[in-house]
Amino acid sequence: VENDAVVALALRKDNEFEEVSIADPSDFMASS
């Protein structure tokens, strides 16, 4: 069960990171 929880946390972090990286490029392009 602990392993599943760790995997779920890792997937959640990946999803959050993907959302951030998807939102960032437009901000980065606008600022540069």
Protein backbone atom coordinates (compact mmCIF):
# COMPACT_ATOMS: atom_id res chain seq x y z
CA VAL A 1 0.00 0.00 0.00
CA GLU A 2 2.86 2.38 0.79
CA ASN A 3 4.34 1.74 -2.66
CA ASP A 4 1.01 2.56 -4.31
CA ALA A 5 0.83 5.78 -2.30
CA VAL A 6 4.35 6.72 -3.39
CA VAL A 7 3.48 6.01 -7.03
CA ALA A 8 0.30 8.07 -6.72
CA LEU A 9 2.29 10.95 -5.24
CA ALA A 10 4.86 10.71 -8.04
CA LEU A 11 2.12 10.74 -10.68
CA ARG A 12 0.48 13.72 -9.00
CA LYS A 13 3.78 15.64 -9.00
CA ASP A 14 4.30 14.75 -12.68
CA ASN A 15 0.80 15.98 -13.56
CA GLU A 16 1.32 19.22 -11.63
CA PHE A 17 4.71 19.70 -13.29
CA GLU A 18 3.19 19.12 -16.73
CA GLU A 19 0.45 21.67 -16.06
CA VAL A 20 3.05 24.20 -14.92
CA SER A 21 5.34 23.54 -17.89
CA ILE A 22 2.35 23.91 -20.22
CA ALA A 23 1.39 27.26 -18.67
CA ASP A 24 4.97 28.56 -18.38
CA PRO A 25 6.14 28.72 -22.04
CA SER A 26 3.53 31.37 -22.90
CA ASP A 27 4.58 33.46 -19.88
CA PHE A 28 8.25 32.94 -20.75
CA MET A 29 7.70 33.96 -24.37
CA ALA A 30 5.69 37.01 -23.34
CA SER A 31 8.36 38.17 -20.88
CA SER A 32 11.17 37.62 -23.40
